[in-house]
Amino acid sequence: MTIYYVALGIGILAGIGGQILLKAGADAPDFIGQLMRPSTLCGLALYGSAAFLYILALRKIPVSVAFPSVSVSYALVAILGHFVFGEPFGLKQIGGLALIMGGVVLINQP
């Protein structure tokens, strides 16, 4: 069962990397330019990898546990967005992310 949780964890990390790379490519002057940026292409590849790892995880982890666990990525992407791109991160974001993380912890209890 551990390998499935490892796959889920790596899939979550791949999704986070994909999101950050997509954001990095978002400063192109037009949509086609954005699609052709290496950061966008790598971000899409990471998203694809994340999907395959998620599929593997779903072989043994209930979707009612696996899917909410993916929301950990929301918190990490918000934090990275603040430090990498200078995006806002105030009390509203901290409160919302604390609620998300609390839910993830709760849902993963045996």
PDB file of N, CA and C in Angstrom:
ATOM      1  N   MET A   1       0.826  -1.195   0.000  1.00  0.00           N
ATOM      2  CA  MET A   1       0.000   0.000   0.000  1.00  0.00           C
ATOM      3  C   MET A   1       0.868   1.255   0.000  1.00  0.00           C
ATOM      4  N   THR A   2       2.052   1.184   0.585  1.00  0.00           N
ATOM      5  CA  THR A   2       2.917   2.354   0.683  1.00  0.00           C
ATOM      6  C   THR A   2       3.278   2.906  -0.683  1.00  0.00           C
ATOM      7  N   ILE A   3       3.530   2.050  -1.656  1.00  0.00           N
ATOM      8  CA  ILE A   3       3.922   2.511  -2.997  1.00  0.00           C
ATOM      9  C   ILE A   3       2.833   3.393  -3.607  1.00  0.00           C
ATOM     10  N   TYR A   4       1.597   3.128  -3.276  1.00  0.00           N
ATOM     11  CA  TYR A   4       0.497   3.912  -3.824  1.00  0.00           C
ATOM     12  C   TYR A   4       0.452   5.309  -3.204  1.00  0.00           C
ATOM     13  N   TYR A   5       0.778   5.395  -1.926  1.00  0.00           N
ATOM     14  CA  TYR A   5       0.861   6.714  -1.290  1.00  0.00           C
ATOM     15  C   TYR A   5       2.079   7.487  -1.784  1.00  0.00           C
ATOM     16  N   VAL A   6       3.160   6.763  -2.066  1.00  0.00           N
ATOM     17  CA  VAL A   6       4.344   7.413  -2.656  1.00  0.00           C
ATOM     18  C   VAL A   6       3.986   7.958  -4.037  1.00  0.00           C
ATOM     19  N   ALA A   7       3.273   7.167  -4.830  1.00  0.00           N
ATOM     20  CA  ALA A   7       2.841   7.625  -6.158  1.00  0.00           C
ATOM     21  C   ALA A   7       1.956   8.857  -6.037  1.00  0.00           C
ATOM     22  N   LEU A   8       1.052   8.853  -5.072  1.00  0.00           N
ATOM     23  CA  LEU A   8       0.187  10.020  -4.856  1.00  0.00           C
ATOM     24  C   LEU A   8       1.024  11.239  -4.477  1.00  0.00           C
ATOM     25  N   GLY A   9       1.968  11.067  -3.573  1.00  0.00           N
ATOM     26  CA  GLY A   9       2.821  12.178  -3.147  1.00  0.00           C
ATOM     27  C   GLY A   9       3.663  12.737  -4.278  1.00  0.00           C
ATOM     28  N   ILE A  10       4.268  11.858  -5.057  1.00  0.00           N
ATOM     29  CA  ILE A  10       5.075  12.319  -6.189  1.00  0.00           C
ATOM     30  C   ILE A  10       4.182  12.978  -7.236  1.00  0.00           C
ATOM     31  N   GLY A  11       2.985  12.432  -7.422  1.00  0.00           N
ATOM     32  CA  GLY A  11       2.032  13.041  -8.352  1.00  0.00           C
ATOM     33  C   GLY A  11       1.632  14.443  -7.914  1.00  0.00           C
ATOM     34  N   ILE A  12       1.437  14.621  -6.621  1.00  0.00           N
ATOM     35  CA  ILE A  12       1.109  15.953  -6.100  1.00  0.00           C
ATOM     36  C   ILE A  12       2.264  16.910  -6.365  1.00  0.00           C
ATOM     37  N   LEU A  13       3.488  16.459  -6.092  1.00  0.00           N
ATOM     38  CA  LEU A  13       4.667  17.308  -6.341  1.00  0.00           C
ATOM     39  C   LEU A  13       4.825  17.631  -7.826  1.00  0.00           C
ATOM     40  N   ALA A  14       4.551  16.658  -8.689  1.00  0.00           N
ATOM     41  CA  ALA A  14       4.626  16.906 -10.130  1.00  0.00           C
ATOM     42  C   ALA A  14       3.584  17.935 -10.553  1.00  0.00           C
ATOM     43  N   GLY A  15       2.397  17.851  -9.981  1.00  0.00           N
ATOM     44  CA  GLY A  15       1.360  18.838 -10.281  1.00  0.00           C
ATOM     45  C   GLY A  15       1.748  20.235  -9.826  1.00  0.00           C
ATOM     46  N   ILE A  16       2.385  20.324  -8.676  1.00  0.00           N
ATOM     47  CA  ILE A  16       2.854  21.620  -8.174  1.00  0.00           C
ATOM     48  C   ILE A  16       3.903  22.186  -9.125  1.00  0.00           C
ATOM     49  N   GLY A  17       4.858  21.349  -9.509  1.00  0.00           N
ATOM     50  CA  GLY A  17       5.881  21.799 -10.456  1.00  0.00           C
ATOM     51  C   GLY A  17       5.273  22.244 -11.768  1.00  0.00           C
ATOM     52  N   GLY A  18       4.290  21.485 -12.247  1.00  0.00           N
ATOM     53  CA  GLY A  18       3.609  21.840 -13.485  1.00  0.00           C
ATOM     54  C   GLY A  18       2.930  23.188 -13.397  1.00  0.00           C
ATOM     55  N   GLN A  19       2.248  23.441 -12.281  1.00  0.00           N
ATOM     56  CA  GLN A  19       1.546  24.712 -12.100  1.00  0.00           C
ATOM     57  C   GLN A  19       2.515  25.884 -12.081  1.00  0.00           C
ATOM     58  N   ILE A  20       3.625  25.736 -11.380  1.00  0.00           N
ATOM     59  CA  ILE A  20       4.617  26.810 -11.300  1.00  0.00           C
ATOM     60  C   ILE A  20       5.236  27.067 -12.677  1.00  0.00           C
ATOM     61  N   LEU A  21       5.507  26.013 -13.417  1.00  0.00           N
ATOM     62  CA  LEU A  21       6.064  26.195 -14.765  1.00  0.00           C
ATOM     63  C   LEU A  21       5.056  26.840 -15.715  1.00  0.00           C
ATOM     64  N   LEU A  22       3.782  26.486 -15.584  1.00  0.00           N
ATOM     65  CA  LEU A  22       2.767  27.133 -16.418  1.00  0.00           C
ATOM     66  C   LEU A  22       2.688  28.621 -16.111  1.00  0.00           C
ATOM     67  N   LYS A  23       2.758  28.967 -14.839  1.00  0.00           N
ATOM     68  CA  LYS A  23       2.740  30.381 -14.450  1.00  0.00           C
ATOM     69  C   LYS A  23       3.979  31.098 -14.987  1.00  0.00           C
ATOM     70  N   ALA A  24       5.123  30.435 -14.939  1.00  0.00           N
ATOM     71  CA  ALA A  24       6.367  31.041 -15.439  1.00  0.00           C
ATOM     72  C   ALA A  24       6.269  31.344 -16.933  1.00  0.00           C
ATOM     73  N   GLY A  25       5.529  30.531 -17.665  1.00  0.00           N
ATOM     74  CA  GLY A  25       5.384  30.754 -19.098  1.00  0.00           C
ATOM     75  C   GLY A  25       4.280  31.733 -19.451  1.00  0.00           C
ATOM     76  N   ALA A  26       3.557  32.220 -18.455  1.00  0.00           N
ATOM     77  CA  ALA A  26       2.376  33.051 -18.704  1.00  0.00           C
ATOM     78  C   ALA A  26       2.697  34.497 -19.053  1.00  0.00           C
ATOM     79  N   ASP A  27       3.963  34.862 -19.089  1.00  0.00           N
ATOM     80  CA  ASP A  27       4.293  36.246 -19.421  1.00  0.00           C
ATOM     81  C   ASP A  27       4.561  36.446 -20.908  1.00  0.00           C
ATOM     82  N   ALA A  28       4.208  35.469 -21.726  1.00  0.00           N
ATOM     83  CA  ALA A  28       4.361  35.596 -23.175  1.00  0.00           C
ATOM     84  C   ALA A  28       3.376  36.638 -23.707  1.00  0.00           C
ATOM     85  N   PRO A  29       3.707  37.279 -24.816  1.00  0.00           N
ATOM     86  CA  PRO A  29       2.826  38.322 -25.348  1.00  0.00           C
ATOM     87  C   PRO A  29       1.484  37.793 -25.874  1.00  0.00           C
ATOM     88  N   ASP A  30       1.425  36.534 -26.278  1.00  0.00           N
ATOM     89  CA  ASP A  30       0.163  35.981 -26.778  1.00  0.00           C
ATOM     90  C   ASP A  30       0.056  34.504 -26.379  1.00  0.00           C
ATOM     91  N   PHE A  31      -1.131  33.945 -26.592  1.00  0.00           N
ATOM     92  CA  PHE A  31      -1.405  32.579 -26.143  1.00  0.00           C
ATOM     93  C   PHE A  31      -0.536  31.553 -26.868  1.00  0.00           C
ATOM     94  N   ILE A  32      -0.380  31.704 -28.179  1.00  0.00           N
ATOM     95  CA  ILE A  32       0.440  30.754 -28.945  1.00  0.00           C
ATOM     96  C   ILE A  32       1.892  30.828 -28.466  1.00  0.00           C
ATOM     97  N   GLY A  33       2.367  32.030 -28.208  1.00  0.00           N
ATOM     98  CA  GLY A  33       3.719  32.192 -27.675  1.00  0.00           C
ATOM     99  C   GLY A  33       3.871  31.497 -26.329  1.00  0.00           C
ATOM    100  N   GLN A  34       2.832  31.597 -25.519  1.00  0.00           N
ATOM    101  CA  GLN A  34       2.879  30.926 -24.225  1.00  0.00           C
ATOM    102  C   GLN A  34       2.931  29.412 -24.392  1.00  0.00           C
ATOM    103  N   LEU A  35       2.144  28.891 -25.316  1.00  0.00           N
ATOM    104  CA  LEU A  35       2.129  27.444 -25.529  1.00  0.00           C
ATOM    105  C   LEU A  35       3.481  26.912 -25.997  1.00  0.00           C
ATOM    106  N   MET A  36       4.242  27.737 -26.707  1.00  0.00           N
ATOM    107  CA  MET A  36       5.514  27.298 -27.256  1.00  0.00           C
ATOM    108  C   MET A  36       6.694  27.479 -26.298  1.00  0.00           C
ATOM    109  N   ARG A  37       6.468  28.112 -25.183  1.00  0.00           N
ATOM    110  CA  ARG A  37       7.560  28.316 -24.226  1.00  0.00           C
ATOM    111  C   ARG A  37       7.977  26.981 -23.605  1.00  0.00           C
ATOM    112  N   PRO A  38       9.270  26.781 -23.422  1.00  0.00           N
ATOM    113  CA  PRO A  38       9.730  25.540 -22.786  1.00  0.00           C
ATOM    114  C   PRO A  38       9.127  25.324 -21.392  1.00  0.00           C
ATOM    115  N   SER A  39       8.946  26.403 -20.627  1.00  0.00           N
ATOM    116  CA  SER A  39       8.371  26.235 -19.292  1.00  0.00           C
ATOM    117  C   SER A  39       6.933  25.721 -19.377  1.00  0.00           C
ATOM    118  N   THR A  40       6.172  26.200 -20.366  1.00  0.00           N
ATOM    119  CA  THR A  40       4.803  25.715 -20.532  1.00  0.00           C
ATOM    120  C   THR A  40       4.792  24.252 -20.955  1.00  0.00           C
ATOM    121  N   LEU A  41       5.634  23.894 -21.900  1.00  0.00           N
ATOM    122  CA  LEU A  41       5.694  22.508 -22.363  1.00  0.00           C
ATOM    123  C   LEU A  41       6.123  21.565 -21.243  1.00  0.00           C
ATOM    124  N   CYS A  42       7.106  21.977 -20.454  1.00  0.00           N
ATOM    125  CA  CYS A  42       7.538  21.156 -19.314  1.00  0.00           C
ATOM    126  C   CYS A  42       6.432  21.081 -18.259  1.00  0.00           C
ATOM    127  N   GLY A  43       5.732  22.192 -18.050  1.00  0.00           N
ATOM    128  CA  GLY A  43       4.624  22.195 -17.103  1.00  0.00           C
ATOM    129  C   GLY A  43       3.523  21.231 -17.514  1.00  0.00           C
ATOM    130  N   LEU A  44       3.193  21.220 -18.796  1.00  0.00           N
ATOM    131  CA  LEU A  44       2.179  20.284 -19.292  1.00  0.00           C
ATOM    132  C   LEU A  44       2.644  18.839 -19.150  1.00  0.00           C
ATOM    133  N   ALA A  45       3.936  18.605 -19.403  1.00  0.00           N
ATOM    134  CA  ALA A  45       4.486  17.250 -19.245  1.00  0.00           C
ATOM    135  C   ALA A  45       4.397  16.803 -17.780  1.00  0.00           C
ATOM    136  N   LEU A  46       4.681  17.716 -16.870  1.00  0.00           N
ATOM    137  CA  LEU A  46       4.570  17.368 -15.451  1.00  0.00           C
ATOM    138  C   LEU A  46       3.122  17.089 -15.058  1.00  0.00           C
ATOM    139  N   TYR A  47       2.186  17.870 -15.589  1.00  0.00           N
ATOM    140  CA  TYR A  47       0.775  17.602 -15.333  1.00  0.00           C
ATOM    141  C   TYR A  47       0.375  16.213 -15.840  1.00  0.00           C
ATOM    142  N   GLY A  48       0.856  15.861 -17.017  1.00  0.00           N
ATOM    143  CA  GLY A  48       0.576  14.520 -17.555  1.00  0.00           C
ATOM    144  C   GLY A  48       1.152  13.435 -16.660  1.00  0.00           C
ATOM    145  N   SER A  49       2.369  13.633 -16.194  1.00  0.00           N
ATOM    146  CA  SER A  49       2.996  12.674 -15.275  1.00  0.00           C
ATOM    147  C   SER A  49       2.199  12.575 -13.982  1.00  0.00           C
ATOM    148  N   ALA A  50       1.753  13.711 -13.494  1.00  0.00           N
ATOM    149  CA  ALA A  50       0.954  13.729 -12.270  1.00  0.00           C
ATOM    150  C   ALA A  50      -0.325  12.914 -12.447  1.00  0.00           C
ATOM    151  N   ALA A  51      -0.945  13.036 -13.604  1.00  0.00           N
ATOM    152  CA  ALA A  51      -2.185  12.287 -13.863  1.00  0.00           C
ATOM    153  C   ALA A  51      -1.932  10.779 -13.854  1.00  0.00           C
ATOM    154  N   PHE A  52      -0.839  10.346 -14.475  1.00  0.00           N
ATOM    155  CA  PHE A  52      -0.530   8.911 -14.487  1.00  0.00           C
ATOM    156  C   PHE A  52      -0.218   8.392 -13.086  1.00  0.00           C
ATOM    157  N   LEU A  53       0.497   9.173 -12.296  1.00  0.00           N
ATOM    158  CA  LEU A  53       0.787   8.766 -10.925  1.00  0.00           C
ATOM    159  C   LEU A  53      -0.489   8.724 -10.084  1.00  0.00           C
ATOM    160  N   TYR A  54      -1.400   9.651 -10.333  1.00  0.00           N
ATOM    161  CA  TYR A  54      -2.679   9.664  -9.633  1.00  0.00           C
ATOM    162  C   TYR A  54      -3.487   8.415  -9.985  1.00  0.00           C
ATOM    163  N   ILE A  55      -3.473   8.052 -11.244  1.00  0.00           N
ATOM    164  CA  ILE A  55      -4.166   6.829 -11.666  1.00  0.00           C
ATOM    165  C   ILE A  55      -3.593   5.618 -10.937  1.00  0.00           C
ATOM    166  N   LEU A  56      -2.273   5.560 -10.839  1.00  0.00           N
ATOM    167  CA  LEU A  56      -1.637   4.460 -10.118  1.00  0.00           C
ATOM    168  C   LEU A  56      -2.075   4.455  -8.658  1.00  0.00           C
ATOM    169  N   ALA A  57      -2.082   5.619  -8.031  1.00  0.00           N
ATOM    170  CA  ALA A  57      -2.475   5.716  -6.624  1.00  0.00           C
ATOM    171  C   ALA A  57      -3.913   5.248  -6.413  1.00  0.00           C
ATOM    172  N   LEU A  58      -4.773   5.541  -7.373  1.00  0.00           N
ATOM    173  CA  LEU A  58      -6.192   5.172  -7.232  1.00  0.00           C
ATOM    174  C   LEU A  58      -6.427   3.663  -7.271  1.00  0.00           C
ATOM    175  N   ARG A  59      -5.418   2.901  -7.628  1.00  0.00           N
ATOM    176  CA  ARG A  59      -5.584   1.445  -7.631  1.00  0.00           C
ATOM    177  C   ARG A  59      -5.868   0.919  -6.232  1.00  0.00           C
ATOM    178  N   LYS A  60      -5.310   1.575  -5.205  1.00  0.00           N
ATOM    179  CA  LYS A  60      -5.493   1.084  -3.834  1.00  0.00           C
ATOM    180  C   LYS A  60      -5.977   2.142  -2.847  1.00  0.00           C
ATOM    181  N   ILE A  61      -5.869   3.412  -3.201  1.00  0.00           N
ATOM    182  CA  ILE A  61      -6.306   4.466  -2.290  1.00  0.00           C
ATOM    183  C   ILE A  61      -7.715   4.896  -2.697  1.00  0.00           C
ATOM    184  N   PRO A  62      -8.651   4.939  -1.768  1.00  0.00           N
ATOM    185  CA  PRO A  62     -10.004   5.377  -2.123  1.00  0.00           C
ATOM    186  C   PRO A  62      -9.983   6.811  -2.666  1.00  0.00           C
ATOM    187  N   VAL A  63     -10.786   7.068  -3.666  1.00  0.00           N
ATOM    188  CA  VAL A  63     -10.847   8.403  -4.260  1.00  0.00           C
ATOM    189  C   VAL A  63     -11.293   9.436  -3.224  1.00  0.00           C
ATOM    190  N   SER A  64     -12.065   8.993  -2.238  1.00  0.00           N
ATOM    191  CA  SER A  64     -12.514   9.907  -1.180  1.00  0.00           C
ATOM    192  C   SER A  64     -11.361  10.357  -0.288  1.00  0.00           C
ATOM    193  N   VAL A  65     -10.231   9.681  -0.365  1.00  0.00           N
ATOM    194  CA  VAL A  65      -9.019  10.081   0.352  1.00  0.00           C
ATOM    195  C   VAL A  65      -8.025  10.722  -0.614  1.00  0.00           C
ATOM    196  N   ALA A  66      -7.834  10.101  -1.771  1.00  0.00           N
ATOM    197  CA  ALA A  66      -6.814  10.570  -2.722  1.00  0.00           C
ATOM    198  C   ALA A  66      -7.125  11.958  -3.271  1.00  0.00           C
ATOM    199  N   PHE A  67      -8.340  12.170  -3.725  1.00  0.00           N
ATOM    200  CA  PHE A  67      -8.661  13.452  -4.356  1.00  0.00           C
ATOM    201  C   PHE A  67      -8.545  14.632  -3.391  1.00  0.00           C
ATOM    202  N   PRO A  68      -9.108  14.535  -2.186  1.00  0.00           N
ATOM    203  CA  PRO A  68      -8.916  15.655  -1.260  1.00  0.00           C
ATOM    204  C   PRO A  68      -7.443  15.868  -0.893  1.00  0.00           C
ATOM    205  N   SER A  69      -6.654  14.803  -0.902  1.00  0.00           N
ATOM    206  CA  SER A  69      -5.233  14.939  -0.580  1.00  0.00           C
ATOM    207  C   SER A  69      -4.501  15.792  -1.608  1.00  0.00           C
ATOM    208  N   VAL A  70      -4.982  15.795  -2.834  1.00  0.00           N
ATOM    209  CA  VAL A  70      -4.374  16.608  -3.883  1.00  0.00           C
ATOM    210  C   VAL A  70      -4.482  18.093  -3.547  1.00  0.00           C
ATOM    211  N   SER A  71      -5.428  18.456  -2.699  1.00  0.00           N
ATOM    212  CA  SER A  71      -5.587  19.870  -2.363  1.00  0.00           C
ATOM    213  C   SER A  71      -4.410  20.421  -1.560  1.00  0.00           C
ATOM    214  N   VAL A  72      -3.529  19.556  -1.086  1.00  0.00           N
ATOM    215  CA  VAL A  72      -2.279  20.022  -0.470  1.00  0.00           C
ATOM    216  C   VAL A  72      -1.532  20.897  -1.475  1.00  0.00           C
ATOM    217  N   SER A  73      -1.674  20.558  -2.739  1.00  0.00           N
ATOM    218  CA  SER A  73      -0.982  21.327  -3.780  1.00  0.00           C
ATOM    219  C   SER A  73      -1.465  22.774  -3.812  1.00  0.00           C
ATOM    220  N   TYR A  74      -2.725  23.029  -3.470  1.00  0.00           N
ATOM    221  CA  TYR A  74      -3.230  24.403  -3.462  1.00  0.00           C
ATOM    222  C   TYR A  74      -2.423  25.259  -2.496  1.00  0.00           C
ATOM    223  N   ALA A  75      -2.180  24.702  -1.322  1.00  0.00           N
ATOM    224  CA  ALA A  75      -1.438  25.443  -0.306  1.00  0.00           C
ATOM    225  C   ALA A  75      -0.001  25.694  -0.748  1.00  0.00           C
ATOM    226  N   LEU A  76       0.638  24.654  -1.247  1.00  0.00           N
ATOM    227  CA  LEU A  76       2.035  24.806  -1.639  1.00  0.00           C
ATOM    228  C   LEU A  76       2.200  25.733  -2.840  1.00  0.00           C
ATOM    229  N   VAL A  77       1.277  25.660  -3.789  1.00  0.00           N
ATOM    230  CA  VAL A  77       1.347  26.556  -4.953  1.00  0.00           C
ATOM    231  C   VAL A  77       1.113  28.001  -4.518  1.00  0.00           C
ATOM    232  N   ALA A  78       0.200  28.234  -3.595  1.00  0.00           N
ATOM    233  CA  ALA A  78      -0.038  29.598  -3.114  1.00  0.00           C
ATOM    234  C   ALA A  78       1.200  30.166  -2.425  1.00  0.00           C
ATOM    235  N   ILE A  79       1.851  29.343  -1.628  1.00  0.00           N
ATOM    236  CA  ILE A  79       3.069  29.784  -0.945  1.00  0.00           C
ATOM    237  C   ILE A  79       4.187  30.044  -1.957  1.00  0.00           C
ATOM    238  N   LEU A  80       4.368  29.118  -2.895  1.00  0.00           N
ATOM    239  CA  LEU A  80       5.384  29.313  -3.933  1.00  0.00           C
ATOM    240  C   LEU A  80       5.072  30.531  -4.794  1.00  0.00           C
ATOM    241  N   GLY A  81       3.796  30.741  -5.106  1.00  0.00           N
ATOM    242  CA  GLY A  81       3.395  31.906  -5.889  1.00  0.00           C
ATOM    243  C   GLY A  81       3.803  33.203  -5.210  1.00  0.00           C
ATOM    244  N   HIS A  82       3.703  33.216  -3.910  1.00  0.00           N
ATOM    245  CA  HIS A  82       4.114  34.408  -3.152  1.00  0.00           C
ATOM    246  C   HIS A  82       5.622  34.622  -3.244  1.00  0.00           C
ATOM    247  N   PHE A  83       6.387  33.577  -3.003  1.00  0.00           N
ATOM    248  CA  PHE A  83       7.843  33.728  -2.958  1.00  0.00           C
ATOM    249  C   PHE A  83       8.484  33.805  -4.342  1.00  0.00           C
ATOM    250  N   VAL A  84       7.940  33.101  -5.317  1.00  0.00           N
ATOM    251  CA  VAL A  84       8.546  33.082  -6.655  1.00  0.00           C
ATOM    252  C   VAL A  84       8.051  34.239  -7.521  1.00  0.00           C
ATOM    253  N   PHE A  85       6.747  34.548  -7.436  1.00  0.00           N
ATOM    254  CA  PHE A  85       6.157  35.547  -8.329  1.00  0.00           C
ATOM    255  C   PHE A  85       5.702  36.815  -7.618  1.00  0.00           C
ATOM    256  N   GLY A  86       5.869  36.880  -6.308  1.00  0.00           N
ATOM    257  CA  GLY A  86       5.468  38.070  -5.566  1.00  0.00           C
ATOM    258  C   GLY A  86       3.964  38.254  -5.460  1.00  0.00           C
ATOM    259  N   GLU A  87       3.207  37.174  -5.531  1.00  0.00           N
ATOM    260  CA  GLU A  87       1.752  37.257  -5.441  1.00  0.00           C
ATOM    261  C   GLU A  87       1.321  37.503  -3.996  1.00  0.00           C
ATOM    262  N   PRO A  88       0.124  38.083  -3.801  1.00  0.00           N
ATOM    263  CA  PRO A  88      -0.328  38.392  -2.439  1.00  0.00           C
ATOM    264  C   PRO A  88      -0.482  37.140  -1.583  1.00  0.00           C
ATOM    265  N   PHE A  89      -0.169  37.296  -0.320  1.00  0.00           N
ATOM    266  CA  PHE A  89      -0.334  36.189   0.633  1.00  0.00           C
ATOM    267  C   PHE A  89      -0.577  36.801   2.004  1.00  0.00           C
ATOM    268  N   GLY A  90      -1.844  37.043   2.301  1.00  0.00           N
ATOM    269  CA  GLY A  90      -2.204  37.697   3.549  1.00  0.00           C
ATOM    270  C   GLY A  90      -3.020  36.792   4.453  1.00  0.00           C
ATOM    271  N   LEU A  91      -3.743  37.408   5.349  1.00  0.00           N
ATOM    272  CA  LEU A  91      -4.527  36.651   6.326  1.00  0.00           C
ATOM    273  C   LEU A  91      -5.620  35.805   5.675  1.00  0.00           C
ATOM    274  N   LYS A  92      -6.255  36.319   4.628  1.00  0.00           N
ATOM    275  CA  LYS A  92      -7.299  35.538   3.943  1.00  0.00           C
ATOM    276  C   LYS A  92      -6.718  34.252   3.360  1.00  0.00           C
ATOM    277  N   GLN A  93      -5.558  34.370   2.718  1.00  0.00           N
ATOM    278  CA  GLN A  93      -4.930  33.190   2.130  1.00  0.00           C
ATOM    279  C   GLN A  93      -4.497  32.207   3.226  1.00  0.00           C
ATOM    280  N   ILE A  94      -3.919  32.736   4.287  1.00  0.00           N
ATOM    281  CA  ILE A  94      -3.475  31.866   5.384  1.00  0.00           C
ATOM    282  C   ILE A  94      -4.667  31.145   6.004  1.00  0.00           C
ATOM    283  N   GLY A  95      -5.761  31.859   6.251  1.00  0.00           N
ATOM    284  CA  GLY A  95      -6.959  31.239   6.828  1.00  0.00           C
ATOM    285  C   GLY A  95      -7.545  30.175   5.926  1.00  0.00           C
ATOM    286  N   GLY A  96      -7.676  30.487   4.652  1.00  0.00           N
ATOM    287  CA  GLY A  96      -8.229  29.517   3.706  1.00  0.00           C
ATOM    288  C   GLY A  96      -7.368  28.280   3.576  1.00  0.00           C
ATOM    289  N   LEU A  97      -6.071  28.479   3.503  1.00  0.00           N
ATOM    290  CA  LEU A  97      -5.163  27.342   3.374  1.00  0.00           C
ATOM    291  C   LEU A  97      -5.111  26.512   4.653  1.00  0.00           C
ATOM    292  N   ALA A  98      -5.257  27.159   5.806  1.00  0.00           N
ATOM    293  CA  ALA A  98      -5.308  26.411   7.064  1.00  0.00           C
ATOM    294  C   ALA A  98      -6.537  25.500   7.095  1.00  0.00           C
ATOM    295  N   LEU A  99      -7.657  26.006   6.592  1.00  0.00           N
ATOM    296  CA  LEU A  99      -8.865  25.171   6.533  1.00  0.00           C
ATOM    297  C   LEU A  99      -8.666  23.988   5.580  1.00  0.00           C
ATOM    298  N   ILE A 100      -8.054  24.245   4.431  1.00  0.00           N
ATOM    299  CA  ILE A 100      -7.793  23.161   3.475  1.00  0.00           C
ATOM    300  C   ILE A 100      -6.884  22.112   4.106  1.00  0.00           C
ATOM    301  N   MET A 101      -5.792  22.555   4.713  1.00  0.00           N
ATOM    302  CA  MET A 101      -4.847  21.610   5.302  1.00  0.00           C
ATOM    303  C   MET A 101      -5.480  20.834   6.454  1.00  0.00           C
ATOM    304  N   GLY A 102      -6.301  21.516   7.240  1.00  0.00           N
ATOM    305  CA  GLY A 102      -7.013  20.808   8.313  1.00  0.00           C
ATOM    306  C   GLY A 102      -7.911  19.711   7.767  1.00  0.00           C
ATOM    307  N   GLY A 103      -8.584  20.010   6.674  1.00  0.00           N
ATOM    308  CA  GLY A 103      -9.435  19.000   6.043  1.00  0.00           C
ATOM    309  C   GLY A 103      -8.650  17.819   5.507  1.00  0.00           C
ATOM    310  N   VAL A 104      -7.492  18.096   4.917  1.00  0.00           N
ATOM    311  CA  VAL A 104      -6.648  17.009   4.402  1.00  0.00           C
ATOM    312  C   VAL A 104      -6.175  16.110   5.548  1.00  0.00           C
ATOM    313  N   VAL A 105      -5.756  16.736   6.638  1.00  0.00           N
ATOM    314  CA  VAL A 105      -5.310  15.952   7.799  1.00  0.00           C
ATOM    315  C   VAL A 105      -6.471  15.108   8.328  1.00  0.00           C
ATOM    316  N   LEU A 106      -7.632  15.702   8.455  1.00  0.00           N
ATOM    317  CA  LEU A 106      -8.793  15.001   8.978  1.00  0.00           C
ATOM    318  C   LEU A 106      -9.187  13.817   8.100  1.00  0.00           C
ATOM    319  N   ILE A 107      -9.200  14.018   6.806  1.00  0.00           N
ATOM    320  CA  ILE A 107      -9.658  12.974   5.891  1.00  0.00           C
ATOM    321  C   ILE A 107      -8.660  11.814   5.781  1.00  0.00           C
ATOM    322  N   ASN A 108      -7.410  12.060   6.138  1.00  0.00           N
ATOM    323  CA  ASN A 108      -6.394  11.012   6.050  1.00  0.00           C
ATOM    324  C   ASN A 108      -6.186  10.272   7.362  1.00  0.00           C
ATOM    325  N   GLN A 109      -7.046  10.526   8.349  1.00  0.00           N
ATOM    326  CA  GLN A 109      -6.964   9.793   9.611  1.00  0.00           C
ATOM    327  C   GLN A 109      -7.520   8.387   9.408  1.00  0.00           C
ATOM    328  N   PRO A 110      -6.884   7.392  10.039  1.00  0.00           N
ATOM    329  CA  PRO A 110      -7.389   6.012   9.881  1.00  0.00           C
ATOM    330  C   PRO A 110      -8.734   5.784  10.536  1.00  0.00           C
TER     331      PRO A 110
END
